C-alpha atoms as a PDB file:
ATOM      1  CA  UNK A   1     -59.720  15.241 -19.789  1.00  0.00           C
ATOM      2  CA  UNK A   2     -61.939  13.444 -17.260  1.00  0.00           C
ATOM      3  CA  UNK A   3     -60.820  12.446 -13.797  1.00  0.00           C
ATOM      4  CA  UNK A   4     -60.828   8.842 -14.738  1.00  0.00           C
ATOM      5  CA  UNK A   5     -58.258   9.627 -17.571  1.00  0.00           C
ATOM      6  CA  UNK A   6     -56.239  11.582 -15.243  1.00  0.00           C
ATOM      7  CA  UNK A   7     -56.062   8.857 -12.729  1.00  0.00           C
ATOM      8  CA  UNK A   8     -54.978   6.237 -15.218  1.00  0.00           C
ATOM      9  CA  UNK A   9     -52.508   8.759 -16.689  1.00  0.00           C
ATOM     10  CA  UNK A  10     -51.077   9.319 -13.048  1.00  0.00           C
ATOM     11  CA  UNK A  11     -51.127   5.486 -12.397  1.00  0.00           C
ATOM     12  CA  UNK A  12     -49.351   4.971 -15.669  1.00  0.00           C
ATOM     13  CA  UNK A  13     -46.470   7.483 -14.694  1.00  0.00           C
ATOM     14  CA  UNK A  14     -46.129   6.105 -11.346  1.00  0.00           C
ATOM     15  CA  UNK A  15     -45.705   2.608 -12.643  1.00  0.00           C
ATOM     16  CA  UNK A  16     -43.155   3.917 -15.083  1.00  0.00           C
ATOM     17  CA  UNK A  17     -41.238   5.703 -12.268  1.00  0.00           C
ATOM     18  CA  UNK A  18     -41.141   2.776 -10.214  1.00  0.00           C
ATOM     19  CA  UNK A  19     -39.808   0.565 -13.207  1.00  0.00           C
ATOM     20  CA  UNK A  20     -37.160   3.142 -14.082  1.00  0.00           C
ATOM     21  CA  UNK A  21     -36.168   3.146 -10.379  1.00  0.00           C
ATOM     22  CA  UNK A  22     -35.702  -0.698 -10.171  1.00  0.00           C
ATOM     23  CA  UNK A  23     -33.791  -0.333 -13.533  1.00  0.00           C
ATOM     24  CA  UNK A  24     -31.507   2.160 -11.933  1.00  0.00           C
ATOM     25  CA  UNK A  25     -30.910   0.047  -8.861  1.00  0.00           C
ATOM     26  CA  UNK A  26     -30.105  -3.033 -10.940  1.00  0.00           C
ATOM     27  CA  UNK A  27     -27.580  -1.138 -13.203  1.00  0.00           C
ATOM     28  CA  UNK A  28     -25.968   0.346  -9.999  1.00  0.00           C
ATOM     29  CA  UNK A  29     -25.962  -3.284  -8.375  1.00  0.00           C
ATOM     30  CA  UNK A  30     -24.075  -4.517 -11.742  1.00  0.00           C
ATOM     31  CA  UNK A  31     -21.491  -1.646 -11.639  1.00  0.00           C
ATOM     32  CA  UNK A  32     -20.798  -2.366  -8.039  1.00  0.00           C
ATOM     33  CA  UNK A  33     -20.332  -6.026  -8.579  1.00  0.00           C
ATOM     34  CA  UNK A  34     -17.907  -5.508 -11.583  1.00  0.00           C
ATOM     35  CA  UNK A  35     -15.728  -2.725  -9.675  1.00  0.00           C
ATOM     36  CA  UNK A  36     -15.717  -5.034  -6.663  1.00  0.00           C
ATOM     37  CA  UNK A  37     -14.570  -8.107  -8.956  1.00  0.00           C
ATOM     38  CA  UNK A  38     -12.109  -5.850 -10.763  1.00  0.00           C
ATOM     39  CA  UNK A  39     -10.759  -4.660  -7.287  1.00  0.00           C
ATOM     40  CA  UNK A  40     -10.376  -8.109  -5.714  1.00  0.00           C
ATOM     41  CA  UNK A  41      -8.423  -9.159  -9.280  1.00  0.00           C
ATOM     42  CA  UNK A  42      -6.169  -6.029  -8.731  1.00  0.00           C
ATOM     43  CA  UNK A  43      -5.434  -6.861  -4.958  1.00  0.00           C
ATOM     44  CA  UNK A  44      -4.737 -10.295  -6.009  1.00  0.00           C
ATOM     45  CA  UNK A  45      -2.162  -9.358  -8.793  1.00  0.00           C
ATOM     46  CA  UNK A  46      -0.544  -7.010  -6.175  1.00  0.00           C
ATOM     47  CA  UNK A  47      -0.249  -9.671  -3.679  1.00  0.00           C
ATOM     48  CA  UNK A  48       1.453 -11.914  -6.162  1.00  0.00           C
ATOM     49  CA  UNK A  49       3.803  -9.390  -7.251  1.00  0.00           C
ATOM     50  CA  UNK A  50       4.850  -8.746  -3.762  1.00  0.00           C
ATOM     51  CA  UNK A  51       5.311 -12.249  -3.072  1.00  0.00           C
ATOM     52  CA  UNK A  52       7.743 -12.370  -6.164  1.00  0.00           C
ATOM     53  CA  UNK A  53       9.701  -9.507  -4.618  1.00  0.00           C
ATOM     54  CA  UNK A  54       9.887 -11.082  -1.302  1.00  0.00           C
ATOM     55  CA  UNK A  55      11.159 -14.471  -2.939  1.00  0.00           C
ATOM     56  CA  UNK A  56      13.771 -12.430  -4.708  1.00  0.00           C
ATOM     57  CA  UNK A  57      14.954 -10.901  -1.172  1.00  0.00           C
ATOM     58  CA  UNK A  58      15.341 -14.211   0.108  1.00  0.00           C
ATOM     59  CA  UNK A  59      14.625 -15.879   3.709  1.00  0.00           C
ATOM     60  CA  UNK A  60      17.402 -14.082   5.352  1.00  0.00           C
ATOM     61  CA  UNK A  61      15.974 -10.781   4.905  1.00  0.00           C
ATOM     62  CA  UNK A  62      12.500 -11.671   5.893  1.00  0.00           C
ATOM     63  CA  UNK A  63      13.941 -13.296   9.062  1.00  0.00           C
ATOM     64  CA  UNK A  64      15.911 -10.126   9.919  1.00  0.00           C
ATOM     65  CA  UNK A  65      12.690  -7.835   9.489  1.00  0.00           C
ATOM     66  CA  UNK A  66      10.444 -10.445  11.589  1.00  0.00           C
ATOM     67  CA  UNK A  67      13.046 -10.559  14.296  1.00  0.00           C
ATOM     68  CA  UNK A  68      13.590  -6.791  14.471  1.00  0.00           C
ATOM     69  CA  UNK A  69      13.446  -5.933  18.265  1.00  0.00           C
ATOM     70  CA  UNK A  70      12.422  -2.436  17.886  1.00  0.00           C
ATOM     71  CA  UNK A  71      14.416   0.480  19.405  1.00  0.00           C
ATOM     72  CA  UNK A  72      13.542   2.530  22.631  1.00  0.00           C
ATOM     73  CA  UNK A  73      11.801   5.721  21.486  1.00  0.00           C
ATOM     74  CA  UNK A  74       8.372   6.941  21.023  1.00  0.00           C
ATOM     75  CA  UNK A  75       5.943   4.293  20.027  1.00  0.00           C
ATOM     76  CA  UNK A  76       4.556   4.849  16.585  1.00  0.00           C
ATOM     77  CA  UNK A  77       0.969   4.899  15.662  1.00  0.00           C
ATOM     78  CA  UNK A  78      -0.160   1.448  14.433  1.00  0.00           C
ATOM     79  CA  UNK A  79       0.825   0.824  10.677  1.00  0.00           C
ATOM     80  CA  UNK A  80      -1.683   0.921   8.090  1.00  0.00           C
ATOM     81  CA  UNK A  81      -3.519  -2.212   7.015  1.00  0.00           C
ATOM     82  CA  UNK A  82      -1.066  -4.523   5.393  1.00  0.00           C
ATOM     83  CA  UNK A  83      -1.914  -5.973   1.762  1.00  0.00           C
ATOM     84  CA  UNK A  84      -0.451  -9.310   3.052  1.00  0.00           C
ATOM     85  CA  UNK A  85       1.738 -11.128   5.593  1.00  0.00           C
ATOM     86  CA  UNK A  86       4.591 -13.509   4.889  1.00  0.00           C
ATOM     87  CA  UNK A  87       6.963 -15.086   7.150  1.00  0.00           C
ATOM     88  CA  UNK A  88       5.998 -12.924  10.076  1.00  0.00           C
ATOM     89  CA  UNK A  89       6.316  -9.638   7.937  1.00  0.00           C
ATOM     90  CA  UNK A  90       3.623  -7.339   6.911  1.00  0.00           C
ATOM     91  CA  UNK A  91       3.619  -6.073   3.305  1.00  0.00           C
ATOM     92  CA  UNK A  92       2.472  -2.662   2.222  1.00  0.00           C
ATOM     93  CA  UNK A  93       1.552  -0.881  -1.017  1.00  0.00           C
ATOM     94  CA  UNK A  94       3.334   2.354  -1.750  1.00  0.00           C
ATOM     95  CA  UNK A  95       0.120   4.238  -1.190  1.00  0.00           C
ATOM     96  CA  UNK A  96       0.128   2.946   2.442  1.00  0.00           C
ATOM     97  CA  UNK A  97       3.489   3.818   3.545  1.00  0.00           C
ATOM     98  CA  UNK A  98       3.180   6.718   5.697  1.00  0.00           C
ATOM     99  CA  UNK A  99       4.616  10.007   4.113  1.00  0.00           C
ATOM    100  CA  UNK A 100       6.929  10.210   7.460  1.00  0.00           C
ATOM    101  CA  UNK A 101       8.748   6.916   6.338  1.00  0.00           C
ATOM    102  CA  UNK A 102       9.258   8.386   2.983  1.00  0.00           C
ATOM    103  CA  UNK A 103      10.512  11.648   4.435  1.00  0.00           C
ATOM    104  CA  UNK A 104      12.791   9.992   6.682  1.00  0.00           C
ATOM    105  CA  UNK A 105      14.189   7.711   4.037  1.00  0.00           C
ATOM    106  CA  UNK A 106      15.336  10.796   1.923  1.00  0.00           C
ATOM    107  CA  UNK A 107      16.440  12.803   4.856  1.00  0.00           C
ATOM    108  CA  UNK A 108      18.485   9.914   6.084  1.00  0.00           C
ATOM    109  CA  UNK A 109      20.447   9.715   2.868  1.00  0.00           C
ATOM    110  CA  UNK A 110      24.102  11.098   2.846  1.00  0.00           C
ATOM    111  CA  UNK A 111      24.949  13.938   0.123  1.00  0.00           C
ATOM    112  CA  UNK A 112      26.760  11.214  -1.500  1.00  0.00           C
ATOM    113  CA  UNK A 113      23.781   8.782  -1.639  1.00  0.00           C
ATOM    114  CA  UNK A 114      21.261  11.477  -2.914  1.00  0.00           C
ATOM    115  CA  UNK A 115      23.691  12.227  -5.811  1.00  0.00           C
ATOM    116  CA  UNK A 116      23.957   8.623  -6.606  1.00  0.00           C
ATOM    117  CA  UNK A 117      20.210   8.401  -6.497  1.00  0.00           C
ATOM    118  CA  UNK A 118      19.580  11.107  -8.733  1.00  0.00           C
ATOM    119  CA  UNK A 119      22.214   9.670 -11.146  1.00  0.00           C
ATOM    120  CA  UNK A 120      20.727   6.206 -11.121  1.00  0.00           C
ATOM    121  CA  UNK A 121      17.019   7.538 -10.976  1.00  0.00           C
ATOM    122  CA  UNK A 122      14.483   6.127  -8.740  1.00  0.00           C
ATOM    123  CA  UNK A 123      11.819   4.787 -10.901  1.00  0.00           C
ATOM    124  CA  UNK A 124       9.381   3.729  -8.153  1.00  0.00           C
ATOM    125  CA  UNK A 125       8.862   2.620  -4.513  1.00  0.00           C
ATOM    126  CA  UNK A 126       7.863  -0.983  -5.179  1.00  0.00           C
ATOM    127  CA  UNK A 127       6.496  -1.895  -1.632  1.00  0.00           C
ATOM    128  CA  UNK A 128       7.358  -1.605   2.068  1.00  0.00           C
ATOM    129  CA  UNK A 129       7.647  -4.259   4.789  1.00  0.00           C
ATOM    130  CA  UNK A 130       7.397  -3.730   8.364  1.00  0.00           C
ATOM    131  CA  UNK A 131       7.376  -6.304  11.536  1.00  0.00           C
ATOM    132  CA  UNK A 132       3.824  -6.335  12.629  1.00  0.00           C
ATOM    133  CA  UNK A 133       2.334  -4.918  15.796  1.00  0.00           C
ATOM    134  CA  UNK A 134       2.635  -1.827  17.664  1.00  0.00           C
ATOM    135  CA  UNK A 135       5.959  -0.530  18.505  1.00  0.00           C
ATOM    136  CA  UNK A 136       8.991   1.224  17.051  1.00  0.00           C
ATOM    137  CA  UNK A 137       9.830  -1.201  14.283  1.00  0.00           C
ATOM    138  CA  UNK A 138      11.883  -0.277  11.334  1.00  0.00           C
ATOM    139  CA  UNK A 139      10.354   0.167   7.727  1.00  0.00           C
ATOM    140  CA  UNK A 140      12.144  -1.560   5.105  1.00  0.00           C
ATOM    141  CA  UNK A 141      11.339   0.174   1.629  1.00  0.00           C
ATOM    142  CA  UNK A 142      11.956  -1.725  -1.518  1.00  0.00           C
ATOM    143  CA  UNK A 143      12.912   0.805  -4.402  1.00  0.00           C
ATOM    144  CA  UNK A 144      13.076  -0.024  -8.140  1.00  0.00           C
ATOM    145  CA  UNK A 145      15.776   1.833 -10.169  1.00  0.00           C
ATOM    146  CA  UNK A 146      15.642   2.889 -13.766  1.00  0.00           C
ATOM    147  CA  UNK A 147      18.901   0.657 -14.311  1.00  0.00           C
ATOM    148  CA  UNK A 148      16.641  -2.493 -13.324  1.00  0.00           C
ATOM    149  CA  UNK A 149      18.221  -2.687  -9.854  1.00  0.00           C
ATOM    150  CA  UNK A 150      16.002  -3.000  -6.821  1.00  0.00           C
ATOM    151  CA  UNK A 151      17.276  -1.926  -3.348  1.00  0.00           C
ATOM    152  CA  UNK A 152      15.865  -2.640   0.003  1.00  0.00           C
ATOM    153  CA  UNK A 153      16.442   0.307   2.650  1.00  0.00           C
ATOM    154  CA  UNK A 154      15.855   0.107   6.278  1.00  0.00           C
ATOM    155  CA  UNK A 155      14.315   3.287   7.749  1.00  0.00           C
ATOM    156  CA  UNK A 156      14.625   3.365  11.528  1.00  0.00           C
ATOM    157  CA  UNK A 157      13.796   6.016  14.267  1.00  0.00           C
ATOM    158  CA  UNK A 158      15.078   6.466  17.839  1.00  0.00           C
ATOM    159  CA  UNK A 159      17.326   4.047  19.745  1.00  0.00           C
ATOM    160  CA  UNK A 160      20.247   5.025  21.999  1.00  0.00           C
ATOM    161  CA  UNK A 161      20.903   8.914  21.613  1.00  0.00           C
ATOM    162  CA  UNK A 162      19.529   8.820  18.064  1.00  0.00           C
ATOM    163  CA  UNK A 163      17.482  11.816  17.421  1.00  0.00           C
ATOM    164  CA  UNK A 164      16.678  11.377  13.546  1.00  0.00           C
ATOM    165  CA  UNK A 165      16.145   8.580  11.053  1.00  0.00           C
ATOM    166  CA  UNK A 166      18.609   6.001  10.679  1.00  0.00           C
ATOM    167  CA  UNK A 167      18.532   4.778   6.854  1.00  0.00           C
ATOM    168  CA  UNK A 168      20.818   1.722   5.807  1.00  0.00           C
ATOM    169  CA  UNK A 169      20.912  -0.209   2.557  1.00  0.00           C
ATOM    170  CA  UNK A 170      19.820  -3.853   3.499  1.00  0.00           C
ATOM    171  CA  UNK A 171      20.204  -5.457   0.183  1.00  0.00           C
ATOM    172  CA  UNK A 172      20.303  -5.142  -3.639  1.00  0.00           C
ATOM    173  CA  UNK A 173      17.902  -7.464  -5.573  1.00  0.00           C
ATOM    174  CA  UNK A 174      18.499  -7.981  -9.138  1.00  0.00           C
END
């Protein structure tokens, strides 16, 4: 091959490489846009589902959470990013609930409550609610059971002489 033929061949491969690179960039952008669109749709579906549960809880439960004065004790780290806020209450996906809150919930149940939970069967944690802001505010965890019931549990830490978590059932939602 002559030098002229090699340079044409080299130029052709360079142009082909550039075209393939731009094609790969175009495919990457298309994939990113589709995933972003799907994520936005899933986020909106989750927000709508949470709003339905909050509607079932009623304004009294939301007012109670929003007016939580907090308790004396060590200040908690800021809560993770809420998926939505309604009536002055932040709503969290199960994956955003700190593991410490789940551990406190389980540790705070009495032996009788643990037995009842085993018999009823926890199907899943639906969401958590919490007054926004930095402070020692209680978490309210909504759990769905295999019998179709949902129960809202208040998980608090600290307070006057309290060393461990305090867990109370706030309401049952049908």
